[in-house]
Amino acid sequence: MLSTIKKSKVIKVSAVHDKDTGSPEVQVALLTSKIEELARHLKKHDKDKHSRRGLLAMVADRQNHIKYLQTKHPKRYLALAKKLELKVK
């Protein structure tokens, strides 16, 4: 779980405008931070199958948002990939 302080920092870094909370960039950034946190959890607790299932769902959701950005707004996608250090296809 992301704390509200961490969540607000992630939103501030990736927001398109001041009151942005739902753009694809923000959603991808939030999912990325949640995925990283859950991956650390799963390294300690490798038998936690329920959390692993949630992780896979988050990864799939993030992929859908990334695919949307790639097709609709390629420049915004490249900027986001650079910020989050994602692999560019």
PDB file of N, CA and C in Angstrom:
ATOM      1  N   MET A   1       0.830  -1.182   0.000  1.00  0.00           N
ATOM      2  CA  MET A   1       0.000   0.000   0.000  1.00  0.00           C
ATOM      3  C   MET A   1       0.874   1.244   0.000  1.00  0.00           C
ATOM      4  N   LEU A   2       0.545   2.165  -0.852  1.00  0.00           N
ATOM      5  CA  LEU A   2       1.267   3.428  -0.880  1.00  0.00           C
ATOM      6  C   LEU A   2       0.679   4.369   0.165  1.00  0.00           C
ATOM      7  N   SER A   3       1.543   5.036   0.896  1.00  0.00           N
ATOM      8  CA  SER A   3       1.053   6.036   1.841  1.00  0.00           C
ATOM      9  C   SER A   3       0.612   7.264   1.046  1.00  0.00           C
ATOM     10  N   THR A   4      -0.170   8.106   1.680  1.00  0.00           N
ATOM     11  CA  THR A   4      -0.674   9.287   0.976  1.00  0.00           C
ATOM     12  C   THR A   4       0.453  10.244   0.614  1.00  0.00           C
ATOM     13  N   ILE A   5       1.504  10.267   1.408  1.00  0.00           N
ATOM     14  CA  ILE A   5       2.638  11.150   1.113  1.00  0.00           C
ATOM     15  C   ILE A   5       3.365  10.652  -0.132  1.00  0.00           C
ATOM     16  N   LYS A   6       3.636   9.353  -0.195  1.00  0.00           N
ATOM     17  CA  LYS A   6       4.302   8.790  -1.372  1.00  0.00           C
ATOM     18  C   LYS A   6       3.435   8.958  -2.609  1.00  0.00           C
ATOM     19  N   LYS A   7       2.150   8.733  -2.441  1.00  0.00           N
ATOM     20  CA  LYS A   7       1.224   8.842  -3.560  1.00  0.00           C
ATOM     21  C   LYS A   7       1.187  10.267  -4.104  1.00  0.00           C
ATOM     22  N   SER A   8       1.158  11.252  -3.222  1.00  0.00           N
ATOM     23  CA  SER A   8       1.130  12.647  -3.673  1.00  0.00           C
ATOM     24  C   SER A   8       2.436  13.030  -4.355  1.00  0.00           C
ATOM     25  N   LYS A   9       3.562  12.478  -3.898  1.00  0.00           N
ATOM     26  CA  LYS A   9       4.845  12.749  -4.562  1.00  0.00           C
ATOM     27  C   LYS A   9       4.867  12.174  -5.970  1.00  0.00           C
ATOM     28  N   VAL A  10       4.358  10.960  -6.120  1.00  0.00           N
ATOM     29  CA  VAL A  10       4.320  10.324  -7.437  1.00  0.00           C
ATOM     30  C   VAL A  10       3.414  11.109  -8.374  1.00  0.00           C
ATOM     31  N   ILE A  11       2.273  11.551  -7.862  1.00  0.00           N
ATOM     32  CA  ILE A  11       1.343  12.333  -8.681  1.00  0.00           C
ATOM     33  C   ILE A  11       1.981  13.656  -9.091  1.00  0.00           C
ATOM     34  N   LYS A  12       2.666  14.301  -8.163  1.00  0.00           N
ATOM     35  CA  LYS A  12       3.279  15.593  -8.452  1.00  0.00           C
ATOM     36  C   LYS A  12       4.342  15.470  -9.546  1.00  0.00           C
ATOM     37  N   VAL A  13       5.105  14.400  -9.527  1.00  0.00           N
ATOM     38  CA  VAL A  13       6.177  14.207 -10.507  1.00  0.00           C
ATOM     39  C   VAL A  13       5.622  13.946 -11.903  1.00  0.00           C
ATOM     40  N   SER A  14       4.538  13.193 -11.997  1.00  0.00           N
ATOM     41  CA  SER A  14       4.069  12.763 -13.312  1.00  0.00           C
ATOM     42  C   SER A  14       2.808  13.475 -13.803  1.00  0.00           C
ATOM     43  N   ALA A  15       2.299  14.438 -13.059  1.00  0.00           N
ATOM     44  CA  ALA A  15       1.060  15.118 -13.439  1.00  0.00           C
ATOM     45  C   ALA A  15       1.257  15.995 -14.667  1.00  0.00           C
ATOM     46  N   VAL A  16       0.214  16.053 -15.493  1.00  0.00           N
ATOM     47  CA  VAL A  16       0.237  16.885 -16.692  1.00  0.00           C
ATOM     48  C   VAL A  16      -0.071  18.334 -16.343  1.00  0.00           C
ATOM     49  N   HIS A  17      -0.995  18.532 -15.411  1.00  0.00           N
ATOM     50  CA  HIS A  17      -1.330  19.885 -14.943  1.00  0.00           C
ATOM     51  C   HIS A  17      -1.505  19.837 -13.427  1.00  0.00           C
ATOM     52  N   ASP A  18      -1.807  20.964 -12.812  1.00  0.00           N
ATOM     53  CA  ASP A  18      -1.820  21.088 -11.353  1.00  0.00           C
ATOM     54  C   ASP A  18      -2.781  20.137 -10.646  1.00  0.00           C
ATOM     55  N   LYS A  19      -3.998  20.022 -11.141  1.00  0.00           N
ATOM     56  CA  LYS A  19      -5.011  19.215 -10.458  1.00  0.00           C
ATOM     57  C   LYS A  19      -5.190  17.842 -11.103  1.00  0.00           C
ATOM     58  N   ASP A  20      -4.153  17.354 -11.745  1.00  0.00           N
ATOM     59  CA  ASP A  20      -4.218  16.082 -12.468  1.00  0.00           C
ATOM     60  C   ASP A  20      -4.098  14.900 -11.514  1.00  0.00           C
ATOM     61  N   THR A  21      -5.090  14.026 -11.524  1.00  0.00           N
ATOM     62  CA  THR A  21      -5.015  12.800 -10.732  1.00  0.00           C
ATOM     63  C   THR A  21      -5.391  11.573 -11.544  1.00  0.00           C
ATOM     64  N   GLY A  22      -5.892  11.734 -12.757  1.00  0.00           N
ATOM     65  CA  GLY A  22      -6.394  10.590 -13.487  1.00  0.00           C
ATOM     66  C   GLY A  22      -5.858  10.403 -14.886  1.00  0.00           C
ATOM     67  N   SER A  23      -4.897  11.203 -15.300  1.00  0.00           N
ATOM     68  CA  SER A  23      -4.355  11.038 -16.642  1.00  0.00           C
ATOM     69  C   SER A  23      -3.606   9.715 -16.736  1.00  0.00           C
ATOM     70  N   PRO A  24      -3.410   9.198 -17.934  1.00  0.00           N
ATOM     71  CA  PRO A  24      -2.693   7.933 -18.079  1.00  0.00           C
ATOM     72  C   PRO A  24      -1.282   7.982 -17.498  1.00  0.00           C
ATOM     73  N   GLU A  25      -0.638   9.130 -17.571  1.00  0.00           N
ATOM     74  CA  GLU A  25       0.710   9.260 -17.021  1.00  0.00           C
ATOM     75  C   GLU A  25       0.709   9.035 -15.511  1.00  0.00           C
ATOM     76  N   VAL A  26      -0.250   9.642 -14.841  1.00  0.00           N
ATOM     77  CA  VAL A  26      -0.348   9.495 -13.385  1.00  0.00           C
ATOM     78  C   VAL A  26      -0.702   8.056 -13.027  1.00  0.00           C
ATOM     79  N   GLN A  27      -1.625   7.472 -13.769  1.00  0.00           N
ATOM     80  CA  GLN A  27      -2.024   6.098 -13.476  1.00  0.00           C
ATOM     81  C   GLN A  27      -0.869   5.130 -13.670  1.00  0.00           C
ATOM     82  N   VAL A  28      -0.093   5.312 -14.724  1.00  0.00           N
ATOM     83  CA  VAL A  28       1.070   4.443 -14.961  1.00  0.00           C
ATOM     84  C   VAL A  28       2.107   4.634 -13.861  1.00  0.00           C
ATOM     85  N   ALA A  29       2.339   5.876 -13.457  1.00  0.00           N
ATOM     86  CA  ALA A  29       3.323   6.137 -12.404  1.00  0.00           C
ATOM     87  C   ALA A  29       2.892   5.514 -11.076  1.00  0.00           C
ATOM     88  N   LEU A  30       1.613   5.642 -10.737  1.00  0.00           N
ATOM     89  CA  LEU A  30       1.115   5.043  -9.496  1.00  0.00           C
ATOM     90  C   LEU A  30       1.194   3.520  -9.546  1.00  0.00           C
ATOM     91  N   LEU A  31       0.802   2.948 -10.674  1.00  0.00           N
ATOM     92  CA  LEU A  31       0.878   1.494 -10.795  1.00  0.00           C
ATOM     93  C   LEU A  31       2.321   1.012 -10.727  1.00  0.00           C
ATOM     94  N   THR A  32       3.241   1.771 -11.309  1.00  0.00           N
ATOM     95  CA  THR A  32       4.649   1.390 -11.272  1.00  0.00           C
ATOM     96  C   THR A  32       5.168   1.376  -9.843  1.00  0.00           C
ATOM     97  N   SER A  33       4.824   2.386  -9.071  1.00  0.00           N
ATOM     98  CA  SER A  33       5.302   2.413  -7.690  1.00  0.00           C
ATOM     99  C   SER A  33       4.653   1.299  -6.854  1.00  0.00           C
ATOM    100  N   LYS A  34       3.373   1.005  -7.104  1.00  0.00           N
ATOM    101  CA  LYS A  34       2.714  -0.094  -6.401  1.00  0.00           C
ATOM    102  C   LYS A  34       3.338  -1.434  -6.783  1.00  0.00           C
ATOM    103  N   ILE A  35       3.663  -1.595  -8.053  1.00  0.00           N
ATOM    104  CA  ILE A  35       4.271  -2.837  -8.524  1.00  0.00           C
ATOM    105  C   ILE A  35       5.636  -3.040  -7.887  1.00  0.00           C
ATOM    106  N   GLU A  36       6.422  -1.976  -7.819  1.00  0.00           N
ATOM    107  CA  GLU A  36       7.746  -2.081  -7.198  1.00  0.00           C
ATOM    108  C   GLU A  36       7.630  -2.465  -5.721  1.00  0.00           C
ATOM    109  N   GLU A  37       6.683  -1.857  -5.032  1.00  0.00           N
ATOM    110  CA  GLU A  37       6.495  -2.151  -3.610  1.00  0.00           C
ATOM    111  C   GLU A  37       6.030  -3.593  -3.401  1.00  0.00           C
ATOM    112  N   LEU A  38       5.112  -4.044  -4.233  1.00  0.00           N
ATOM    113  CA  LEU A  38       4.605  -5.406  -4.111  1.00  0.00           C
ATOM    114  C   LEU A  38       5.666  -6.434  -4.507  1.00  0.00           C
ATOM    115  N   ALA A  39       6.504  -6.094  -5.454  1.00  0.00           N
ATOM    116  CA  ALA A  39       7.594  -7.002  -5.843  1.00  0.00           C
ATOM    117  C   ALA A  39       8.572  -7.190  -4.685  1.00  0.00           C
ATOM    118  N   ARG A  40       8.850  -6.103  -3.958  1.00  0.00           N
ATOM    119  CA  ARG A  40       9.713  -6.230  -2.769  1.00  0.00           C
ATOM    120  C   ARG A  40       9.060  -7.136  -1.724  1.00  0.00           C
ATOM    121  N   HIS A  41       7.764  -7.009  -1.563  1.00  0.00           N
ATOM    122  CA  HIS A  41       7.036  -7.848  -0.610  1.00  0.00           C
ATOM    123  C   HIS A  41       7.130  -9.322  -1.017  1.00  0.00           C
ATOM    124  N   LEU A  42       6.981  -9.583  -2.308  1.00  0.00           N
ATOM    125  CA  LEU A  42       6.968 -10.963  -2.768  1.00  0.00           C
ATOM    126  C   LEU A  42       8.357 -11.607  -2.710  1.00  0.00           C
ATOM    127  N   LYS A  43       9.407 -10.809  -2.682  1.00  0.00           N
ATOM    128  CA  LYS A  43      10.744 -11.381  -2.517  1.00  0.00           C
ATOM    129  C   LYS A  43      10.902 -11.977  -1.121  1.00  0.00           C
ATOM    130  N   LYS A  44      10.274 -11.350  -0.137  1.00  0.00           N
ATOM    131  CA  LYS A  44      10.326 -11.863   1.235  1.00  0.00           C
ATOM    132  C   LYS A  44       9.330 -12.996   1.441  1.00  0.00           C
ATOM    133  N   HIS A  45       8.142 -12.852   0.857  1.00  0.00           N
ATOM    134  CA  HIS A  45       7.047 -13.787   1.086  1.00  0.00           C
ATOM    135  C   HIS A  45       6.694 -14.477  -0.231  1.00  0.00           C
ATOM    136  N   ASP A  46       7.533 -15.411  -0.641  1.00  0.00           N
ATOM    137  CA  ASP A  46       7.371 -16.000  -1.960  1.00  0.00           C
ATOM    138  C   ASP A  46       6.164 -16.923  -2.079  1.00  0.00           C
ATOM    139  N   LYS A  47       5.561 -17.333  -0.992  1.00  0.00           N
ATOM    140  CA  LYS A  47       4.387 -18.204  -1.054  1.00  0.00           C
ATOM    141  C   LYS A  47       3.062 -17.440  -0.998  1.00  0.00           C
ATOM    142  N   ASP A  48       3.121 -16.131  -1.034  1.00  0.00           N
ATOM    143  CA  ASP A  48       1.917 -15.298  -0.984  1.00  0.00           C
ATOM    144  C   ASP A  48       1.282 -15.246  -2.381  1.00  0.00           C
ATOM    145  N   LYS A  49       0.469 -16.233  -2.677  1.00  0.00           N
ATOM    146  CA  LYS A  49      -0.113 -16.374  -4.021  1.00  0.00           C
ATOM    147  C   LYS A  49      -1.170 -15.310  -4.310  1.00  0.00           C
ATOM    148  N   HIS A  50      -1.879 -14.865  -3.308  1.00  0.00           N
ATOM    149  CA  HIS A  50      -2.912 -13.858  -3.528  1.00  0.00           C
ATOM    150  C   HIS A  50      -2.304 -12.517  -3.930  1.00  0.00           C
ATOM    151  N   SER A  51      -1.204 -12.155  -3.294  1.00  0.00           N
ATOM    152  CA  SER A  51      -0.533 -10.912  -3.659  1.00  0.00           C
ATOM    153  C   SER A  51       0.089 -11.018  -5.049  1.00  0.00           C
ATOM    154  N   ARG A  52       0.566 -12.194  -5.392  1.00  0.00           N
ATOM    155  CA  ARG A  52       1.146 -12.405  -6.724  1.00  0.00           C
ATOM    156  C   ARG A  52       0.081 -12.208  -7.799  1.00  0.00           C
ATOM    157  N   ARG A  53      -1.125 -12.689  -7.521  1.00  0.00           N
ATOM    158  CA  ARG A  53      -2.223 -12.514  -8.472  1.00  0.00           C
ATOM    159  C   ARG A  53      -2.557 -11.030  -8.634  1.00  0.00           C
ATOM    160  N   GLY A  54      -2.566 -10.295  -7.527  1.00  0.00           N
ATOM    161  CA  GLY A  54      -2.799  -8.856  -7.590  1.00  0.00           C
ATOM    162  C   GLY A  54      -1.710  -8.138  -8.362  1.00  0.00           C
ATOM    163  N   LEU A  55      -0.467  -8.598  -8.185  1.00  0.00           N
ATOM    164  CA  LEU A  55       0.653  -8.013  -8.915  1.00  0.00           C
ATOM    165  C   LEU A  55       0.474  -8.206 -10.417  1.00  0.00           C
ATOM    166  N   LEU A  56       0.093  -9.399 -10.821  1.00  0.00           N
ATOM    167  CA  LEU A  56      -0.110  -9.667 -12.245  1.00  0.00           C
ATOM    168  C   LEU A  56      -1.247  -8.823 -12.813  1.00  0.00           C
ATOM    169  N   ALA A  57      -2.279  -8.602 -12.032  1.00  0.00           N
ATOM    170  CA  ALA A  57      -3.385  -7.751 -12.483  1.00  0.00           C
ATOM    171  C   ALA A  57      -2.920  -6.308 -12.659  1.00  0.00           C
ATOM    172  N   MET A  58      -2.091  -5.826 -11.728  1.00  0.00           N
ATOM    173  CA  MET A  58      -1.566  -4.457 -11.841  1.00  0.00           C
ATOM    174  C   MET A  58      -0.659  -4.312 -13.051  1.00  0.00           C
ATOM    175  N   VAL A  59       0.167  -5.312 -13.308  1.00  0.00           N
ATOM    176  CA  VAL A  59       1.057  -5.266 -14.468  1.00  0.00           C
ATOM    177  C   VAL A  59       0.241  -5.217 -15.752  1.00  0.00           C
ATOM    178  N   ALA A  60      -0.812  -6.013 -15.839  1.00  0.00           N
ATOM    179  CA  ALA A  60      -1.671  -6.019 -17.022  1.00  0.00           C
ATOM    180  C   ALA A  60      -2.370  -4.675 -17.194  1.00  0.00           C
ATOM    181  N   ASP A  61      -2.834  -4.095 -16.097  1.00  0.00           N
ATOM    182  CA  ASP A  61      -3.498  -2.794 -16.151  1.00  0.00           C
ATOM    183  C   ASP A  61      -2.529  -1.713 -16.619  1.00  0.00           C
ATOM    184  N   ARG A  62      -1.303  -1.759 -16.095  1.00  0.00           N
ATOM    185  CA  ARG A  62      -0.292  -0.785 -16.509  1.00  0.00           C
ATOM    186  C   ARG A  62       0.024  -0.933 -17.988  1.00  0.00           C
ATOM    187  N   GLN A  63       0.095  -2.171 -18.471  1.00  0.00           N
ATOM    188  CA  GLN A  63       0.364  -2.396 -19.893  1.00  0.00           C
ATOM    189  C   GLN A  63      -0.733  -1.792 -20.763  1.00  0.00           C
ATOM    190  N   ASN A  64      -1.980  -1.898 -20.324  1.00  0.00           N
ATOM    191  CA  ASN A  64      -3.080  -1.307 -21.093  1.00  0.00           C
ATOM    192  C   ASN A  64      -2.958   0.209 -21.150  1.00  0.00           C
ATOM    193  N   HIS A  65      -2.602   0.833 -20.052  1.00  0.00           N
ATOM    194  CA  HIS A  65      -2.423   2.288 -20.044  1.00  0.00           C
ATOM    195  C   HIS A  65      -1.238   2.694 -20.918  1.00  0.00           C
ATOM    196  N   ILE A  66      -0.176   1.921 -20.873  1.00  0.00           N
ATOM    197  CA  ILE A  66       1.003   2.229 -21.691  1.00  0.00           C
ATOM    198  C   ILE A  66       0.673   2.079 -23.170  1.00  0.00           C
ATOM    199  N   LYS A  67      -0.068   1.039 -23.505  1.00  0.00           N
ATOM    200  CA  LYS A  67      -0.453   0.825 -24.908  1.00  0.00           C
ATOM    201  C   LYS A  67      -1.313   1.977 -25.407  1.00  0.00           C
ATOM    202  N   TYR A  68      -2.214   2.466 -24.550  1.00  0.00           N
ATOM    203  CA  TYR A  68      -3.050   3.611 -24.909  1.00  0.00           C
ATOM    204  C   TYR A  68      -2.173   4.833 -25.196  1.00  0.00           C
ATOM    205  N   LEU A  69      -1.224   5.089 -24.304  1.00  0.00           N
ATOM    206  CA  LEU A  69      -0.341   6.242 -24.502  1.00  0.00           C
ATOM    207  C   LEU A  69       0.493   6.098 -25.760  1.00  0.00           C
ATOM    208  N   GLN A  70       0.976   4.901 -26.043  1.00  0.00           N
ATOM    209  CA  GLN A  70       1.793   4.686 -27.231  1.00  0.00           C
ATOM    210  C   GLN A  70       1.022   4.991 -28.501  1.00  0.00           C
ATOM    211  N   THR A  71      -0.238   4.589 -28.549  1.00  0.00           N
ATOM    212  CA  THR A  71      -1.001   4.779 -29.778  1.00  0.00           C
ATOM    213  C   THR A  71      -1.575   6.184 -29.906  1.00  0.00           C
ATOM    214  N   LYS A  72      -2.078   6.742 -28.815  1.00  0.00           N
ATOM    215  CA  LYS A  72      -2.766   8.040 -28.879  1.00  0.00           C
ATOM    216  C   LYS A  72      -1.835   9.238 -28.716  1.00  0.00           C
ATOM    217  N   HIS A  73      -0.829   9.116 -27.850  1.00  0.00           N
ATOM    218  CA  HIS A  73       0.051  10.240 -27.535  1.00  0.00           C
ATOM    219  C   HIS A  73       1.501   9.754 -27.439  1.00  0.00           C
ATOM    220  N   PRO A  74       2.156   9.485 -28.575  1.00  0.00           N
ATOM    221  CA  PRO A  74       3.516   8.917 -28.521  1.00  0.00           C
ATOM    222  C   PRO A  74       4.547   9.826 -27.844  1.00  0.00           C
ATOM    223  N   LYS A  75       4.422  11.126 -27.987  1.00  0.00           N
ATOM    224  CA  LYS A  75       5.384  12.034 -27.353  1.00  0.00           C
ATOM    225  C   LYS A  75       5.257  11.978 -25.828  1.00  0.00           C
ATOM    226  N   ARG A  76       4.017  11.967 -25.354  1.00  0.00           N
ATOM    227  CA  ARG A  76       3.789  11.868 -23.903  1.00  0.00           C
ATOM    228  C   ARG A  76       4.287  10.531 -23.374  1.00  0.00           C
ATOM    229  N   TYR A  77       4.130   9.471 -24.175  1.00  0.00           N
ATOM    230  CA  TYR A  77       4.616   8.157 -23.762  1.00  0.00           C
ATOM    231  C   TYR A  77       6.130   8.158 -23.617  1.00  0.00           C
ATOM    232  N   LEU A  78       6.823   8.727 -24.592  1.00  0.00           N
ATOM    233  CA  LEU A  78       8.290   8.761 -24.533  1.00  0.00           C
ATOM    234  C   LEU A  78       8.784   9.565 -23.335  1.00  0.00           C
ATOM    235  N   ALA A  79       8.106  10.664 -23.040  1.00  0.00           N
ATOM    236  CA  ALA A  79       8.482  11.470 -21.882  1.00  0.00           C
ATOM    237  C   ALA A  79       8.260  10.695 -20.585  1.00  0.00           C
ATOM    238  N   LEU A  80       7.154   9.983 -20.491  1.00  0.00           N
ATOM    239  CA  LEU A  80       6.856   9.192 -19.300  1.00  0.00           C
ATOM    240  C   LEU A  80       7.849   8.040 -19.142  1.00  0.00           C
ATOM    241  N   ALA A  81       8.165   7.380 -20.250  1.00  0.00           N
ATOM    242  CA  ALA A  81       9.114   6.262 -20.188  1.00  0.00           C
ATOM    243  C   ALA A  81      10.485   6.737 -19.719  1.00  0.00           C
ATOM    244  N   LYS A  82      10.848   7.930 -20.129  1.00  0.00           N
ATOM    245  CA  LYS A  82      12.128   8.481 -19.706  1.00  0.00           C
ATOM    246  C   LYS A  82      12.107   8.811 -18.201  1.00  0.00           C
ATOM    247  N   LYS A  83      10.986   9.400 -17.729  1.00  0.00           N
ATOM    248  CA  LYS A  83      10.852   9.746 -16.311  1.00  0.00           C
ATOM    249  C   LYS A  83      10.889   8.503 -15.416  1.00  0.00           C
ATOM    250  N   LEU A  84      10.151   7.469 -15.826  1.00  0.00           N
ATOM    251  CA  LEU A  84      10.005   6.271 -14.992  1.00  0.00           C
ATOM    252  C   LEU A  84      11.043   5.200 -15.304  1.00  0.00           C
ATOM    253  N   GLU A  85      11.905   5.467 -16.265  1.00  0.00           N
ATOM    254  CA  GLU A  85      12.943   4.547 -16.695  1.00  0.00           C
ATOM    255  C   GLU A  85      12.347   3.217 -17.144  1.00  0.00           C
ATOM    256  N   LEU A  86      11.301   3.317 -17.987  1.00  0.00           N
ATOM    257  CA  LEU A  86      10.668   2.141 -18.558  1.00  0.00           C
ATOM    258  C   LEU A  86      11.348   1.797 -19.880  1.00  0.00           C
ATOM    259  N   LYS A  87      11.280   0.542 -20.281  1.00  0.00           N
ATOM    260  CA  LYS A  87      11.835   0.135 -21.567  1.00  0.00           C
ATOM    261  C   LYS A  87      10.944   0.665 -22.675  1.00  0.00           C
ATOM    262  N   VAL A  88      11.537   1.264 -23.692  1.00  0.00           N
ATOM    263  CA  VAL A  88      10.792   1.809 -24.821  1.00  0.00           C
ATOM    264  C   VAL A  88      10.819   0.786 -25.924  1.00  0.00           C
ATOM    265  N   LYS A  89       9.621   0.472 -26.426  1.00  0.00           N
ATOM    266  CA  LYS A  89       9.514  -0.511 -27.515  1.00  0.00           C
ATOM    267  C   LYS A  89       9.616   0.168 -28.851  1.00  0.00           C
TER     268      LYS A  89
END
